[in-house]
Amino acid sequence: MKRPAIHIISLGCPKNLVDSEVMAAALLESGCALTSREEEADIILLNTCSFILPAKEESIEEILRLAQWKAAGKCTRLVVTGCLPQRYGEEIARELPEVDLFLGTDEIGRIGDHIRRLIETAAPAERSVTPEPVFLMTAENRRRISTPFYSAYLKIADGCSNHCTYCVIPAIRGKARSRTQEDIMMEASDLVRCGVRELIVTAQDTTAYGRDLPGKPTLPDLLRKLCTIADLRWIRLLYTYPAELTDDLFRSIAEEEKICPYIDIPIQHIDDGILRMMNRRGNSDLIRDVLRQARDIIPGVALRTSLIVGFPGETPARFKRLLDFVAEARFDHLGVFTYSPEEDTKALALPGHVSGKTKEKRKSRIMEAQALISEEINRSLVSSIEEVLVEGESGVPEYPYIGRSRRQAPDIDGVTYLRGKDLRTGDFVNCRITAAEEYDLFGVVIAQKET
C-alpha cells in the first residue's frame, strides 16, 4: 500500500509548534510520508489554537478553507488537533461535519494510531477524542524540527496552574507538569548534535518548572545544566511569571555566557486593582522591583513583556496608569492584546466591560508609545558591538544578510540587517551597529565566528 502523504499546518504559539513537531515525527515512524505541499497531501492535519477569540477565528477559518480544499482536491481526510477540539469537543464536531477526526491535546503521542485507524476504516468510531489533558512529551517523543536548523524550541513543561481569571489554558492544557532535568538534557543534547545552536526555553510558565517534581529542581538549576552542552551557543528564556522571578535566576543569566541577556516577562497590567481581578500573584511594587533587579544584576538585559488592555474594570484612570508605566519601565520589546471575553472564565462575569472600539484605541496608544521607546533604545545601541546569528539573505542591497542579536527572539522581535561577505546561514558574527529603526538594527560585520 502506498504511504499516505500528510501535510501538517500548525497555528498558535511555539508550544503548539513543538506538539506539531512531535506529531510529525510520530507519523513518520508509523509509516506515513510528510509533504510541505497541500496539493500533494492525502491527509491534512491542522493543529489549532483557541487561547483567545482571534485565535479561535483563525482556526475556524482555516478549517473551512481546508474543507473546501478537501472537497475539490486530492485530499481525502481532514484531521483537526490541539486546543480547539480539546476546548469544544463534541460541540465542534457537530458544527463541522467536513472534518473526519478531532483530537485533543492528550492525543499527541497516539497520532500514528489514530491516522492508521482513520485510513483503515470508512468512518472512525469516535470523531472527537478529547480525554483529560495529561500528556507530557519526553525525549522518547522524537521531533521533526520545523524551525531553521540552527534554532529550536525546548518545551520543559506543559499545562498551567496559575488560574488567571481571563485564561482558559488550565482547562485546555491541564495542570502544570514538568519534565525531569535528565529527560530535558537528553533531548537538548540530541538537538545540539543535530546542529541546533540556539535553544529557546518555553512552557506555559517556565518559572513554575520543577515544583511538581521530587526534590523540586529549579529553573536556574536547569539552565546551568543546559550550559554544559558543549556545542550549544545560545539559550533564550520565554514566558516567565513576574512573581516567581528570583535573584538566583537573574544571577544564572548574568553569569552564564550561553544564556542570552533576554527575559520575556508578561506582566499583563500594572494597576493593582486590575491585577487582583486578573488573579495575578504580585502587585505593581513587585513588578517594579523585579524589573529593577533584572537590570541591576544582568548587564545590558533586554526585557520583553505582554500587556492586556480593556480588561473589565479598566477605567480611563487605570489605563493611564498602564500607559504611564510603559513610559516609565521602557521595555525593549512589548506586545499588546485586547482583552478577549472567553466563556468559562471568571473574568467574563466581572462588571465594567470595555467596548471593542475603546480597546483598540488603547492598544494603539500603547503601541505608539512603545514604538518611540523601542527606537530610542535601538538608537542607543549604535556603535556598540553585538553578536548576531545569521539567518539568511535579506534582499536589501546595502545590508544583504539578515539575522538576530542576543537581544532578539525569533518571530516576535525585530531583526538585525548585516553588511558582510560570504556569510552562511547559522554563522555567528560580531557586528558594529551602524543604524537603528523602531524595531530593527543594522550592522557591519567585524568578526566572523565558528558556527
Protein backbone atom coordinates (compact mmCIF):
# COMPACT_ATOMS: atom_id res chain seq x y z
CA MET A 1 0.00 0.00 0.00
CA LYS A 2 1.23 3.49 -0.85
CA ARG A 3 2.30 5.51 2.17
CA PRO A 4 -0.25 8.26 2.84
CA ALA A 5 1.18 11.74 2.37
CA ILE A 6 0.32 14.08 5.25
CA HIS A 7 0.55 17.86 5.29
CA ILE A 8 0.72 19.49 8.75
CA ILE A 9 -0.33 23.07 9.47
CA SER A 10 0.49 24.46 12.92
CA LEU A 11 -1.29 27.51 14.33
CA GLY A 12 -0.63 29.43 17.53
CA CYS A 13 2.32 29.61 19.87
CA PRO A 14 5.76 27.93 19.93
CA LYS A 15 4.45 25.38 22.44
CA ASN A 16 1.89 24.29 19.87
CA LEU A 17 4.63 24.11 17.25
CA VAL A 18 6.55 21.64 19.40
CA ASP A 19 3.43 19.48 19.58
CA SER A 20 3.20 19.59 15.77
CA GLU A 21 6.85 18.55 15.51
CA VAL A 22 6.23 15.61 17.85
CA MET A 23 3.25 14.51 15.76
CA ALA A 24 5.25 14.84 12.53
CA ALA A 25 7.97 12.53 13.85
CA ALA A 26 5.41 10.04 15.16
CA LEU A 27 3.68 9.93 11.77
CA LEU A 28 6.97 9.24 10.01
CA GLU A 29 7.72 6.45 12.47
CA SER A 30 4.27 4.96 11.82
CA GLY A 31 4.98 4.69 8.08
CA CYS A 32 3.38 7.86 6.77
CA ALA A 33 5.07 10.35 4.46
CA LEU A 34 5.11 14.09 5.07
CA THR A 35 4.70 16.76 2.42
CA SER A 36 5.08 20.52 2.59
CA ARG A 37 2.60 20.94 -0.28
CA GLU A 38 -1.14 20.85 0.34
CA GLU A 39 -1.83 19.71 -3.22
CA GLU A 40 0.23 16.54 -2.67
CA ALA A 41 -1.47 15.55 0.60
CA ASP A 42 -3.80 12.62 1.08
CA ILE A 43 -4.44 13.80 4.63
CA ILE A 44 -4.20 17.32 6.03
CA LEU A 45 -3.63 17.73 9.78
CA LEU A 46 -4.39 21.12 11.31
CA ASN A 47 -3.03 21.73 14.83
CA THR A 48 -5.17 24.55 16.26
CA CYS A 49 -5.08 27.29 18.87
CA SER A 50 -8.08 28.63 20.81
CA PHE A 51 -6.48 30.78 23.51
CA ILE A 52 -8.45 33.92 22.63
CA LEU A 53 -11.17 34.85 20.15
CA PRO A 54 -8.85 35.84 17.26
CA ALA A 55 -7.05 32.51 17.60
CA LYS A 56 -10.35 30.63 17.53
CA GLU A 57 -11.48 32.60 14.50
CA GLU A 58 -8.22 31.86 12.69
CA SER A 59 -8.60 28.15 13.47
CA ILE A 60 -12.21 28.03 12.25
CA GLU A 61 -11.39 29.97 9.07
CA GLU A 62 -8.53 27.59 8.31
CA ILE A 63 -10.76 24.55 8.90
CA LEU A 64 -13.35 25.92 6.47
CA ARG A 65 -10.67 26.70 3.88
CA LEU A 66 -9.23 23.20 4.17
CA ALA A 67 -12.70 21.66 3.96
CA GLN A 68 -13.14 23.35 0.58
CA TRP A 69 -9.71 22.13 -0.48
CA LYS A 70 -10.65 18.60 0.57
CA ALA A 71 -13.87 18.75 -1.45
CA ALA A 72 -12.07 19.91 -4.58
CA GLY A 73 -8.64 18.29 -4.43
CA LYS A 74 -6.64 15.14 -3.79
CA CYS A 75 -7.00 15.28 -0.02
CA THR A 76 -9.41 12.64 1.32
CA ARG A 77 -9.13 13.19 5.09
CA LEU A 78 -9.06 16.29 7.27
CA VAL A 79 -7.86 15.93 10.87
CA VAL A 80 -8.06 18.75 13.43
CA THR A 81 -5.96 18.50 16.58
CA GLY A 82 -4.94 20.60 19.56
CA CYS A 83 -6.55 23.29 21.65
CA LEU A 84 -9.74 23.93 19.66
CA PRO A 85 -11.10 20.35 19.84
CA GLN A 86 -9.82 20.00 23.41
CA ARG A 87 -11.85 23.04 24.39
CA TYR A 88 -15.05 22.38 22.43
CA GLY A 89 -15.12 18.59 21.96
CA GLU A 90 -18.34 17.14 20.60
CA GLU A 91 -19.82 20.60 20.05
CA ILE A 92 -17.36 21.49 17.32
CA ALA A 93 -17.62 18.01 15.82
CA ARG A 94 -21.35 18.59 15.30
CA GLU A 95 -20.78 22.03 13.80
CA LEU A 96 -18.08 20.93 11.35
CA PRO A 97 -19.07 17.63 9.71
CA GLU A 98 -16.46 18.22 7.00
CA VAL A 99 -13.74 17.22 9.46
CA ASP A 100 -13.07 13.48 9.69
CA LEU A 101 -11.42 13.44 13.10
CA PHE A 102 -10.96 15.80 16.06
CA LEU A 103 -8.18 15.03 18.54
CA GLY A 104 -7.46 16.88 21.78
CA THR A 105 -4.12 17.79 23.30
CA ASP A 106 -3.77 14.44 25.08
CA GLU A 107 -3.63 12.51 21.79
CA ILE A 108 -0.33 13.92 20.53
CA GLY A 109 1.64 10.77 21.33
CA ARG A 110 -1.02 8.50 19.79
CA ILE A 111 -1.38 10.32 16.48
CA GLY A 112 0.08 7.45 14.46
CA ASP A 113 -2.55 5.02 15.75
CA HIS A 114 -5.34 7.48 15.06
CA ILE A 115 -4.23 8.06 11.47
CA ARG A 116 -3.84 4.35 10.80
CA ARG A 117 -7.38 3.64 12.02
CA LEU A 118 -8.70 6.56 10.00
CA ILE A 119 -7.14 5.13 6.84
CA GLU A 120 -8.35 1.59 7.52
CA THR A 121 -11.98 2.46 8.31
CA ALA A 122 -14.53 4.38 6.29
CA ALA A 123 -15.53 6.34 9.39
CA PRO A 124 -13.91 6.29 12.86
CA ALA A 125 -15.94 5.02 15.78
CA GLU A 126 -15.30 8.35 17.51
CA ARG A 127 -14.94 11.59 15.55
CA SER A 128 -13.98 13.52 18.67
CA VAL A 129 -11.36 12.17 21.08
CA THR A 130 -10.68 14.64 23.88
CA PRO A 131 -9.85 13.00 27.23
CA GLU A 132 -8.43 14.94 30.17
CA PRO A 133 -5.11 16.52 29.13
CA VAL A 134 -2.28 14.72 30.95
CA PHE A 135 0.17 14.09 28.08
CA LEU A 136 3.72 15.32 28.70
CA MET A 137 6.28 14.81 25.98
CA THR A 138 9.61 13.17 26.78
CA ALA A 139 12.86 12.74 24.90
CA GLU A 140 11.43 9.47 23.59
CA ASN A 141 8.89 11.51 21.65
CA ARG A 142 11.09 12.37 18.70
CA ARG A 143 10.53 15.68 16.87
CA ARG A 144 10.77 16.64 13.23
CA ILE A 145 12.10 20.17 13.69
CA SER A 146 10.29 22.72 11.53
CA THR A 147 12.26 25.78 12.62
CA PRO A 148 15.56 26.67 10.89
CA PHE A 149 18.24 24.05 11.58
CA TYR A 150 20.21 26.27 13.96
CA SER A 151 17.35 27.12 16.36
CA ALA A 152 14.74 25.07 18.20
CA TYR A 153 12.21 25.48 20.99
CA LEU A 154 12.77 23.38 24.11
CA LYS A 155 9.50 22.67 25.90
CA ILE A 156 10.32 21.99 29.56
CA ALA A 157 6.77 21.62 30.90
CA ASP A 158 3.12 21.59 29.89
CA GLY A 159 -0.08 22.90 31.43
CA CYS A 160 -0.57 25.72 33.90
CA SER A 161 -1.78 26.04 37.49
CA ASN A 162 -1.96 29.83 37.77
CA HIS A 163 -5.71 30.21 37.02
CA CYS A 164 -5.72 33.79 35.80
CA THR A 165 -9.36 34.84 35.51
CA TYR A 166 -9.14 35.63 31.78
CA CYS A 167 -7.35 32.45 30.72
CA VAL A 168 -8.59 29.05 29.53
CA ILE A 169 -5.18 27.35 29.37
CA PRO A 170 -5.58 25.27 32.56
CA ALA A 171 -8.82 23.84 31.16
CA ILE A 172 -7.26 23.11 27.77
CA ARG A 173 -3.79 22.00 28.81
CA GLY A 174 -4.33 20.73 32.35
CA LYS A 175 -2.34 21.50 35.48
CA ALA A 176 1.36 22.34 35.33
CA ARG A 177 3.59 19.30 34.93
CA SER A 178 7.35 19.36 34.44
CA ARG A 179 9.73 17.12 32.56
CA THR A 180 12.68 15.79 34.54
CA GLN A 181 16.02 17.53 34.13
CA GLU A 182 17.56 14.30 32.83
CA ASP A 183 14.91 13.97 30.15
CA ILE A 184 15.25 17.60 29.06
CA MET A 185 19.03 17.30 28.92
CA MET A 186 18.72 14.19 26.77
CA GLU A 187 16.54 15.98 24.23
CA ALA A 188 18.62 19.17 24.31
CA SER A 189 21.83 17.20 23.69
CA ASP A 190 20.22 15.39 20.76
CA LEU A 191 19.08 18.69 19.25
CA VAL A 192 22.58 20.16 19.52
CA ARG A 193 24.10 17.02 17.96
CA CYS A 194 21.75 17.62 15.02
CA GLY A 195 23.05 21.17 14.51
CA VAL A 196 20.88 23.31 16.77
CA ARG A 197 22.86 26.20 18.27
CA GLU A 198 20.07 28.21 19.92
CA LEU A 199 17.61 26.64 22.36
CA ILE A 200 14.55 28.71 23.24
CA VAL A 201 13.19 27.53 26.59
CA THR A 202 9.41 27.55 26.65
CA ALA A 203 6.38 26.40 28.65
CA GLN A 204 3.10 27.99 29.70
CA ASP A 205 5.04 29.25 32.74
CA THR A 206 8.75 28.47 32.70
CA THR A 207 9.26 29.78 36.24
CA ALA A 208 6.88 27.10 37.57
CA TYR A 209 9.36 24.48 36.40
CA GLY A 210 10.14 21.71 38.88
CA ARG A 211 7.58 22.46 41.60
CA ASP A 212 5.77 19.20 40.88
CA LEU A 213 8.91 17.03 40.71
CA PRO A 214 10.67 15.16 43.54
CA GLY A 215 13.38 17.33 45.04
CA LYS A 216 11.83 20.41 43.39
CA PRO A 217 14.58 21.23 40.87
CA THR A 218 14.55 24.87 39.80
CA LEU A 219 14.71 26.72 36.52
CA PRO A 220 18.15 28.23 37.33
CA ASP A 221 19.44 24.71 38.02
CA LEU A 222 18.13 23.53 34.66
CA LEU A 223 19.59 26.49 32.77
CA ARG A 224 23.02 25.93 34.31
CA LYS A 225 22.89 22.26 33.30
CA LEU A 226 21.96 23.20 29.74
CA CYS A 227 25.01 25.45 29.62
CA THR A 228 27.24 22.37 29.98
CA ILE A 229 26.25 21.13 26.49
CA ALA A 230 29.45 21.71 24.54
CA ASP A 231 28.31 22.97 21.13
CA LEU A 232 25.30 24.95 22.33
CA ARG A 233 25.80 28.70 21.77
CA TRP A 234 22.63 30.50 22.94
CA ILE A 235 19.87 29.77 25.45
CA ARG A 236 16.88 32.09 25.45
CA LEU A 237 14.11 32.25 28.10
CA LEU A 238 10.42 32.88 27.39
CA TYR A 239 7.16 33.01 29.38
CA THR A 240 8.33 33.82 32.91
CA TYR A 241 5.91 34.82 35.67
CA PRO A 242 7.00 38.04 37.43
CA ALA A 243 6.09 36.87 40.94
CA GLU A 244 8.35 33.82 40.51
CA LEU A 245 11.47 35.57 39.20
CA THR A 246 14.39 35.29 41.65
CA ASP A 247 17.87 36.67 42.21
CA ASP A 248 19.17 33.16 41.55
CA LEU A 249 17.60 33.14 38.09
CA PHE A 250 18.96 36.59 37.30
CA ARG A 251 22.43 35.58 38.51
CA SER A 252 22.39 32.45 36.37
CA ILE A 253 21.63 34.59 33.31
CA ALA A 254 24.33 37.10 34.23
CA GLU A 255 27.00 34.50 34.99
CA GLU A 256 26.46 32.06 32.14
CA GLU A 257 27.74 33.33 28.79
CA LYS A 258 25.48 30.97 26.84
CA ILE A 259 22.27 32.38 28.34
CA CYS A 260 21.19 35.41 26.35
CA PRO A 261 20.61 38.52 28.48
CA TYR A 262 16.96 38.44 27.47
CA ILE A 263 13.87 37.71 29.57
CA ASP A 264 10.25 37.54 28.49
CA ILE A 265 8.14 38.75 31.47
CA PRO A 266 4.43 39.00 30.64
CA ILE A 267 3.13 41.38 33.34
CA GLN A 268 -0.36 41.88 31.74
CA HIS A 269 -1.07 45.13 33.65
CA ILE A 270 0.32 47.46 36.32
CA ASP A 271 -2.84 48.66 38.09
CA ASP A 272 -3.21 46.78 41.39
CA GLY A 273 -6.99 46.57 41.11
CA ILE A 274 -6.80 45.05 37.63
CA LEU A 275 -4.07 42.64 38.73
CA ARG A 276 -6.27 41.44 41.61
CA MET A 277 -9.24 40.95 39.27
CA MET A 278 -6.96 39.03 36.92
CA ASN A 279 -5.91 36.82 39.89
CA ARG A 280 -2.28 37.65 39.17
CA ARG A 281 0.14 36.99 42.03
CA GLY A 282 2.15 40.03 42.99
CA ASN A 283 1.37 43.72 42.69
CA SER A 284 2.77 46.80 40.98
CA ASP A 285 5.52 47.20 43.58
CA LEU A 286 6.69 43.64 42.98
CA ILE A 287 6.73 44.17 39.21
CA ARG A 288 8.83 47.31 39.57
CA ASP A 289 11.20 45.53 41.95
CA VAL A 290 11.62 42.61 39.57
CA LEU A 291 12.44 44.85 36.63
CA ARG A 292 14.91 46.83 38.73
CA GLN A 293 16.61 43.66 39.99
CA ALA A 294 16.87 42.22 36.49
CA ARG A 295 18.57 45.38 35.24
CA ASP A 296 20.84 45.67 38.28
CA ILE A 297 22.06 42.07 38.09
CA ILE A 298 22.16 41.38 34.32
CA PRO A 299 24.33 43.83 32.34
CA GLY A 300 22.52 45.07 29.22
CA VAL A 301 19.49 42.83 29.71
CA ALA A 302 16.72 43.09 27.12
CA LEU A 303 13.25 42.83 28.66
CA ARG A 304 10.10 41.85 26.78
CA THR A 305 6.57 41.99 28.14
CA SER A 306 2.96 41.42 27.10
CA LEU A 307 0.03 43.57 28.20
CA ILE A 308 -3.75 43.24 28.14
CA VAL A 309 -5.81 46.40 27.56
CA GLY A 310 -9.55 46.71 28.04
CA PHE A 311 -9.85 44.20 30.87
CA PRO A 312 -13.19 44.56 32.73
CA GLY A 313 -12.93 47.46 35.15
CA GLU A 314 -10.14 49.21 33.23
CA THR A 315 -11.30 52.79 33.67
CA PRO A 316 -9.58 55.69 31.86
CA ALA A 317 -7.57 56.35 35.04
CA ARG A 318 -6.42 52.72 35.25
CA PHE A 319 -5.47 52.73 31.58
CA LYS A 320 -3.49 55.94 32.05
CA ARG A 321 -1.63 54.23 34.89
CA LEU A 322 -0.65 51.49 32.46
CA LEU A 323 0.31 53.96 29.72
CA ASP A 324 2.44 55.95 32.17
CA PHE A 325 4.12 52.75 33.33
CA VAL A 326 5.08 51.84 29.77
CA ALA A 327 6.95 55.16 29.57
CA GLU A 328 8.50 54.53 32.99
CA ALA A 329 9.55 50.91 32.50
CA ARG A 330 10.99 51.32 28.99
CA PHE A 331 10.74 47.71 27.88
CA ASP A 332 12.96 46.74 24.97
CA HIS A 333 10.13 44.75 23.39
CA LEU A 334 6.42 44.89 24.13
CA GLY A 335 3.27 43.27 22.75
CA VAL A 336 -0.34 44.24 23.46
CA PHE A 337 -3.51 42.14 23.40
CA THR A 338 -7.03 43.48 23.67
CA TYR A 339 -8.98 41.63 26.35
CA SER A 340 -10.95 38.75 24.85
CA PRO A 341 -14.07 37.71 26.80
CA GLU A 342 -13.89 33.93 26.95
CA GLU A 343 -16.63 31.58 28.04
CA ASP A 344 -15.92 29.50 31.15
CA THR A 345 -13.61 32.17 32.61
CA LYS A 346 -14.27 34.15 35.77
CA ALA A 347 -13.44 37.44 34.06
CA LEU A 348 -16.50 37.09 31.86
CA ALA A 349 -18.77 37.76 34.86
CA LEU A 350 -16.85 40.82 36.03
CA PRO A 351 -18.53 44.24 35.77
CA GLY A 352 -17.23 47.12 33.70
CA HIS A 353 -16.58 45.55 30.31
CA VAL A 354 -14.90 47.89 27.82
CA SER A 355 -16.15 48.42 24.27
CA GLY A 356 -14.22 46.96 21.37
CA LYS A 357 -13.58 50.40 19.90
CA THR A 358 -12.09 51.65 23.17
CA LYS A 359 -9.92 48.57 23.49
CA GLU A 360 -8.48 49.09 20.02
CA LYS A 361 -7.78 52.76 20.73
CA ARG A 362 -5.98 51.87 23.95
CA LYS A 363 -3.93 49.23 22.19
CA SER A 364 -2.88 51.77 19.55
CA ARG A 365 -1.87 54.31 22.19
CA ILE A 366 0.33 51.77 23.97
CA MET A 367 1.97 50.66 20.74
CA GLU A 368 2.59 54.24 19.63
CA ALA A 369 4.29 54.99 22.95
CA GLN A 370 6.32 51.80 22.78
CA ALA A 371 7.46 52.49 19.20
CA LEU A 372 9.18 55.67 20.37
CA ILE A 373 10.78 53.85 23.29
CA SER A 374 11.97 50.98 21.10
CA GLU A 375 13.50 53.38 18.60
CA GLU A 376 15.30 55.31 21.36
CA ILE A 377 16.69 52.10 22.85
CA ASN A 378 17.78 50.81 19.45
CA ARG A 379 19.46 54.12 18.57
CA SER A 380 21.37 53.95 21.86
CA LEU A 381 22.95 50.73 20.53
CA VAL A 382 24.53 52.46 17.53
CA SER A 383 28.35 51.98 17.65
CA SER A 384 28.02 49.04 20.05
CA ILE A 385 29.24 45.53 19.21
CA GLU A 386 26.53 42.83 19.01
CA GLU A 387 26.82 39.10 18.44
CA VAL A 388 24.39 38.09 15.70
CA LEU A 389 23.13 34.75 14.43
CA VAL A 390 22.94 34.87 10.61
CA GLU A 391 19.57 33.67 9.29
CA GLY A 392 19.97 34.18 5.54
CA GLU A 393 19.86 36.75 2.78
CA SER A 394 17.79 39.89 3.30
CA GLY A 395 17.09 41.20 -0.19
CA VAL A 396 18.30 44.62 0.97
CA PRO A 397 21.27 45.68 -1.23
CA GLU A 398 23.06 47.75 1.40
CA TYR A 399 22.64 45.07 4.07
CA PRO A 400 22.41 41.80 2.13
CA TYR A 401 22.10 39.48 5.14
CA ILE A 402 19.64 39.22 7.98
CA GLY A 403 19.97 37.79 11.47
CA ARG A 404 19.14 38.22 15.14
CA SER A 405 21.18 39.54 18.02
CA ARG A 406 21.14 38.10 21.52
CA ARG A 407 18.51 40.79 22.24
CA GLN A 408 16.07 39.48 19.61
CA ALA A 409 13.85 36.39 19.75
CA PRO A 410 12.53 34.86 16.51
CA ASP A 411 9.15 35.92 15.13
CA ILE A 412 8.20 38.28 17.99
CA ASP A 413 11.05 40.84 17.97
CA GLY A 414 12.88 42.81 15.31
CA VAL A 415 15.88 41.62 13.29
CA THR A 416 19.40 42.79 12.54
CA TYR A 417 20.37 43.56 8.94
CA LEU A 418 24.01 42.80 8.16
CA ARG A 419 26.67 44.01 5.76
CA GLY A 420 29.40 41.43 5.23
CA LYS A 421 30.85 38.95 2.75
CA ASP A 422 30.12 35.28 2.22
CA LEU A 423 28.08 34.85 5.39
CA ARG A 424 26.47 31.47 5.89
CA THR A 425 23.12 30.75 7.48
CA GLY A 426 23.75 29.57 11.02
CA ASP A 427 27.03 31.51 11.42
CA PHE A 428 27.61 33.67 14.47
CA VAL A 429 29.24 37.02 13.75
CA ASN A 430 30.22 40.12 15.67
CA CYS A 431 28.97 43.32 14.11
CA ARG A 432 29.15 47.02 14.85
CA ILE A 433 25.68 48.58 14.90
CA THR A 434 25.62 51.43 12.38
CA ALA A 435 21.93 52.40 12.30
CA ALA A 436 18.63 51.62 14.00
CA GLU A 437 14.90 51.88 13.42
CA GLU A 438 11.88 51.31 15.69
CA TYR A 439 12.30 47.56 15.79
CA ASP A 440 15.31 46.63 13.63
CA LEU A 441 19.08 47.11 13.85
CA PHE A 442 21.66 47.49 11.08
CA GLY A 443 25.27 46.43 11.44
CA VAL A 444 28.58 45.82 9.70
CA VAL A 445 30.36 42.54 10.36
CA ILE A 446 33.71 42.98 12.07
CA ALA A 447 34.49 39.38 13.04
CA GLN A 448 33.11 36.02 12.00
CA LYS A 449 32.97 33.18 14.48
CA GLU A 450 32.76 29.45 14.01
CA THR A 451 29.30 28.09 13.52
